[in-house]
Structures are given as structure tokens and as C-alpha cells.
Protein backbone atom coordinates (compact mmCIF):
# COMPACT_ATOMS: atom_id res chain seq x y z
CA MET A 1 -107.71 75.74 152.83
CA ALA A 2 -110.14 76.71 150.07
CA PRO A 3 -112.59 79.53 150.86
CA ILE A 4 -115.44 78.39 153.10
CA SER A 5 -118.57 77.90 151.01
CA THR A 6 -121.26 79.81 152.88
CA LEU A 7 -124.98 80.39 152.39
CA VAL A 8 -127.00 83.10 154.14
CA VAL A 9 -130.70 82.35 154.65
CA VAL A 10 -133.09 85.06 155.86
CA ALA A 11 -136.29 83.87 157.57
CA SER A 12 -138.87 86.63 157.43
CA ASN A 13 -142.50 86.55 156.30
CA ARG A 14 -142.60 90.28 155.62
CA ALA A 15 -139.32 90.34 153.71
CA ALA A 16 -140.40 87.27 151.70
CA ASP A 17 -143.70 89.02 150.88
CA GLY A 18 -141.94 92.21 149.82
CA VAL A 19 -143.34 94.31 152.66
CA TYR A 20 -139.86 95.55 153.47
CA GLU A 21 -136.31 94.92 152.32
CA ASP A 22 -134.17 92.80 154.59
CA THR A 23 -131.07 94.55 155.91
CA SER A 24 -129.39 91.83 158.01
CA GLY A 25 -128.67 89.48 155.12
CA PRO A 26 -126.52 91.98 153.18
CA ILE A 27 -124.49 92.72 156.33
CA LEU A 28 -123.70 89.02 156.67
CA ILE A 29 -122.86 88.69 152.99
CA GLN A 30 -120.45 91.63 153.12
CA GLY A 31 -118.89 90.52 156.41
CA PHE A 32 -118.24 86.93 155.36
CA ALA A 33 -116.95 88.02 151.95
CA ALA A 34 -114.54 90.45 153.63
CA ALA A 35 -113.27 87.55 155.76
CA GLY A 36 -112.51 85.55 152.62
CA PHE A 37 -115.54 83.24 152.62
CA ASP A 38 -117.17 82.16 149.35
CA VAL A 39 -120.67 83.50 150.08
CA ALA A 40 -124.02 82.96 148.37
CA GLY A 41 -127.42 84.52 149.09
CA PRO A 42 -129.17 85.90 150.89
CA VAL A 43 -132.00 83.45 150.24
CA VAL A 44 -135.16 85.02 151.72
CA VAL A 45 -137.85 82.56 152.82
CA HIS A 46 -141.01 82.52 154.90
CA ASP A 47 -140.81 81.35 158.49
CA GLY A 48 -141.47 77.70 159.20
CA ASP A 49 -141.28 74.87 156.70
CA GLU A 50 -139.52 76.95 154.04
CA VAL A 51 -136.60 77.39 156.43
CA GLU A 52 -136.28 73.64 156.85
CA GLN A 53 -136.36 73.11 153.10
CA ALA A 54 -133.75 75.82 152.49
CA LEU A 55 -131.45 74.18 155.03
CA ARG A 56 -131.86 70.71 153.56
CA ASP A 57 -131.16 72.09 150.09
CA ALA A 58 -128.02 73.81 151.36
CA VAL A 59 -126.76 70.58 152.96
CA ASP A 60 -127.46 68.68 149.74
CA ASP A 61 -125.59 71.36 147.78
CA GLY A 62 -122.51 70.85 149.95
CA PHE A 63 -122.23 74.22 151.68
CA SER A 64 -119.77 74.12 154.57
CA LEU A 65 -121.53 76.88 156.51
CA VAL A 66 -125.15 78.02 156.54
CA VAL A 67 -126.11 81.06 158.59
CA THR A 68 -129.75 81.94 159.13
CA SER A 69 -131.05 85.35 160.15
CA GLY A 70 -134.42 85.78 161.81
CA GLY A 71 -137.09 83.67 163.44
CA THR A 72 -135.26 82.98 166.72
CA GLY A 73 -137.56 84.83 169.13
CA LEU A 74 -140.54 83.85 171.25
CA THR A 75 -143.50 84.56 168.96
CA PRO A 76 -145.51 81.67 167.48
CA LEU A 77 -143.99 82.42 164.06
CA ASP A 78 -140.37 82.31 165.28
CA LEU A 79 -139.64 78.75 164.21
CA THR A 80 -136.10 78.85 162.82
CA PRO A 81 -134.51 76.96 165.76
CA ASP A 82 -137.23 74.32 165.56
CA MET A 83 -136.72 73.88 161.80
CA THR A 84 -132.97 73.73 162.31
CA SER A 85 -133.35 71.02 164.96
CA ARG A 86 -135.14 68.87 162.38
CA VAL A 87 -132.14 69.09 160.06
CA VAL A 88 -129.04 68.87 162.26
CA ASP A 89 -127.54 65.60 163.46
CA TYR A 90 -126.21 67.19 166.66
CA GLU A 91 -125.84 70.62 168.20
CA VAL A 92 -122.73 72.70 168.93
CA PRO A 93 -123.94 74.64 171.98
CA GLY A 94 -120.81 76.71 172.47
CA ILE A 95 -121.34 78.68 169.27
CA ALA A 96 -124.90 79.70 170.15
CA GLU A 97 -123.79 80.55 173.69
CA ALA A 98 -120.98 82.76 172.37
CA ILE A 99 -123.35 84.59 170.03
CA ARG A 100 -125.85 85.25 172.83
CA ALA A 101 -123.03 86.43 175.08
CA ALA A 102 -121.84 88.87 172.42
CA GLY A 103 -125.37 90.20 172.09
CA ARG A 104 -125.98 90.48 175.84
CA ALA A 105 -122.95 92.76 176.09
CA LYS A 106 -125.03 95.30 174.13
CA THR A 107 -128.66 94.50 175.01
CA PRO A 108 -130.29 92.18 177.56
CA HIS A 109 -132.86 91.25 174.90
CA ALA A 110 -130.24 89.03 173.26
CA ALA A 111 -130.92 86.47 175.99
CA LEU A 112 -134.34 85.86 174.41
CA SER A 113 -132.87 84.41 171.23
CA ARG A 114 -133.52 80.66 170.91
CA GLY A 115 -130.99 80.32 168.12
CA ILE A 116 -128.99 77.10 167.96
CA ALA A 117 -125.93 75.87 166.08
CA GLY A 118 -125.47 72.35 164.84
CA VAL A 119 -124.04 70.00 162.24
CA ALA A 120 -125.89 68.26 159.42
CA GLY A 121 -123.57 65.90 157.57
CA LYS A 122 -120.53 68.07 156.91
CA THR A 123 -122.42 71.38 157.09
CA LEU A 124 -122.33 73.71 160.09
CA ILE A 125 -125.63 75.57 160.56
CA VAL A 126 -125.88 78.65 162.79
CA ASN A 127 -128.98 80.66 163.73
CA LEU A 128 -128.83 84.42 164.29
CA ALA A 129 -131.56 86.79 165.36
CA GLY A 130 -132.98 88.97 162.61
CA SER A 131 -131.57 92.39 163.53
CA THR A 132 -128.58 94.16 162.04
CA GLY A 133 -126.98 94.14 165.49
CA ALA A 134 -127.37 90.37 165.72
CA ALA A 135 -125.77 90.02 162.30
CA LYS A 136 -122.74 91.98 163.51
CA ASP A 137 -122.57 89.90 166.69
CA GLY A 138 -122.62 86.76 164.58
CA LEU A 139 -119.78 88.00 162.42
CA ALA A 140 -117.73 88.78 165.54
CA VAL A 141 -118.08 85.17 166.72
CA LEU A 142 -118.00 83.29 163.41
CA THR A 143 -114.43 84.22 162.53
CA ALA A 144 -112.49 82.64 159.71
CA GLU A 145 -110.22 80.89 162.21
CA LEU A 146 -113.15 79.34 164.10
CA ILE A 147 -115.07 78.24 161.01
CA GLU A 148 -112.00 76.88 159.24
CA HIS A 149 -111.17 74.79 162.31
CA ALA A 150 -114.76 73.54 162.53
CA VAL A 151 -114.85 72.63 158.84
CA SER A 152 -111.49 70.87 159.15
CA GLN A 153 -112.84 68.71 161.98
CA LEU A 154 -115.99 67.91 160.02
CA HIS A 155 -113.77 66.59 157.24
CA GLY A 156 -111.65 64.46 159.56
CA GLY A 157 -109.02 66.96 160.65
CA ASP A 158 -107.38 66.52 164.05
CA HIS A 159 -107.59 68.85 167.02
CA ALA A 160 -104.82 71.41 167.40
CA ARG A 161 -102.10 70.17 169.76
CA SER A 162 -99.69 73.09 169.82
CA ASP A 163 -100.33 73.78 173.52
CA ASP A 164 -100.00 70.22 174.74
CA ALA A 165 -96.32 70.55 175.58
CA GLU A 166 -96.99 73.68 177.65
CA ALA A 167 -100.00 72.18 179.44
CA ALA A 168 -98.31 68.95 180.60
CA PRO A 169 -95.04 68.75 182.58
CA GLU A 170 -92.17 66.89 181.05
CA PHE A 171 -92.02 63.21 182.04
CA SER A 172 -88.45 63.64 183.18
CA GLU A 173 -89.59 66.33 185.62
CA VAL A 174 -92.30 64.11 187.07
CA ALA A 175 -90.06 61.03 187.30
CA SER A 176 -87.05 62.86 188.72
CA VAL A 177 -88.42 63.11 192.26
CA ALA A 178 -89.85 60.55 194.68
CA GLN A 179 -91.46 60.85 198.07
CA VAL A 180 -89.33 59.62 200.92
CA HIS A 181 -91.48 57.18 202.90
CA GLY A 182 -92.54 58.38 206.32
CA THR A 183 -91.31 61.97 205.90
CA GLY A 184 -93.61 63.58 203.32
CA ALA A 185 -90.52 65.11 201.70
CA THR A 186 -89.40 64.69 198.12
CA GLN A 187 -85.93 63.98 196.91
CA PRO A 188 -84.31 63.68 193.49
CA LEU A 189 -84.20 60.03 192.50
CA GLY A 190 -80.46 60.13 192.10
CA GLU A 191 -80.03 61.11 195.75
CA ILE A 192 -82.13 58.27 197.23
CA PRO A 193 -79.97 55.24 198.23
CA SER A 194 -80.54 52.29 195.94
CA ALA A 195 -81.28 50.06 198.91
CA ALA A 196 -84.33 52.15 199.61
CA MET A 197 -85.76 51.70 196.13
CA GLY A 198 -87.55 48.71 194.60
CA SER A 199 -87.36 47.75 190.97
CA GLY A 200 -90.35 50.01 190.22
CA GLY A 201 -88.70 53.10 191.66
CA THR A 202 -90.60 53.12 194.99
CA GLU A 203 -89.26 52.76 198.50
CA THR A 204 -89.38 49.22 199.90
CA THR A 205 -87.70 49.52 203.32
CA HIS A 206 -89.80 49.92 206.46
CA ALA A 207 -88.91 51.18 209.87
CA PRO A 208 -89.26 48.68 212.75
CA GLY A 209 -92.88 48.34 213.78
CA ASP A 210 -94.35 49.38 210.40
CA ASP A 211 -97.75 47.73 209.94
CA THR A 212 -97.24 46.20 206.49
CA ASP A 213 -99.47 43.69 204.70
CA ALA A 214 -96.79 41.06 205.28
CA HIS A 215 -96.88 41.65 209.04
CA ARG A 216 -100.66 41.40 209.09
CA ARG A 217 -100.58 38.06 207.23
CA GLN A 218 -98.26 36.44 209.76
CA PRO A 219 -99.97 34.15 212.31
């Protein structure tokens, strides 16, 4: 598979105004590049509508993955999840849950992140909190294997089926035994007398006095 085209978007009013230099974006750039992704950015924007526009532009430009940093908290200006919800077609809750879980292992404050993950067209969008720790947590979850599999599915790839044979018993094992009527025991099919088996492989004989449907229908 070709390198995953990735854009990092930083949502921060102060960083966009030059009050301070963002530090989470470069961590994401370096981490994704080290994993073999084709990374662009960081694009630093103000909170709110500029986030939505940056996401729509990224989708139009055909990026496979867009990762935002910042704006996921509880303040009135933390609007990144809300802007992302306007753009995505549907959410992928498991990714956001995994990122929060990774953060909670280090700080309980990670539970306050409202970040979401979702799909817009063929682009996967993921929100991260704006700290350097959150950036590292995101990199731990958004591995090359996970993102490549997600991108493959978005382009029509099938689910992996390598474990199916281990998960399901062989048909021959299921079909090789049958319950012996009235005993609760099982017996290999080859050991059950043919007279006791119907054409479908089930027992058809009844002991005297069995209350069968046929008996109940008799006058």
C-alpha cells in the first residue's frame, strides 16, 4: 500500500495568533513520518469555523487521514468535536474510546476529552486533545497497521479473515456426532444403527408410549 496521506490540523486561538508556538503538531508530524505516513502540516487554525473549513478542504484534497490537535475540552471555545461532527458522515467510536483509554492510563483528566473519530467520504478524521501527552497517546493508538486497514476498508477492501478457521469448528467435527434420542448422550454417526436414522441424519424411532405428533393426531 502507498504511504497514508495524512494532514495534521492544530486548533488553537493562541497558537494561530502567534502568542505561543504549538508543540503538539510537530510531535504528530514526526511520529507519523517515522511510521511511514506521507504527512503534511501542521496547519494551525483558530477554534471554531476555521476547523470545519480546514477539515472540508482536507477531504476535498483527498487526504486519507486527518488528525486534529486541540479544542476537545469543556470550555466554550473547545469546538473541534462539534466542527468535526458537521463534516463526518458517520463516527468510528472505537478509535476515540481507545485514545481516551490510553490517556486515562496516565491522567484521569483524559476522560474530559470530547474528541471523536469519524469518516467523511474516504477520509478518516480523528480528534486529539491539545497536549503533547495527548499527541503521544494518539500516535500509540493510530498505528500504521490500524490506519492502513481502515483506509483499505474505506476503499472497498474486505475484512481480514485469517482467524475464521480457528474461530469456527470444522463442519466434519460438528456433523460427526449426533445425540441419541432419550439418553442425552452423543455418539459418532458411524456408530448409530441406520435404522435409527432418518434421511436427514436424525433419529426417527420412538420407544413405546412416546408422545409424538402422530400419536396426538390420532382420534
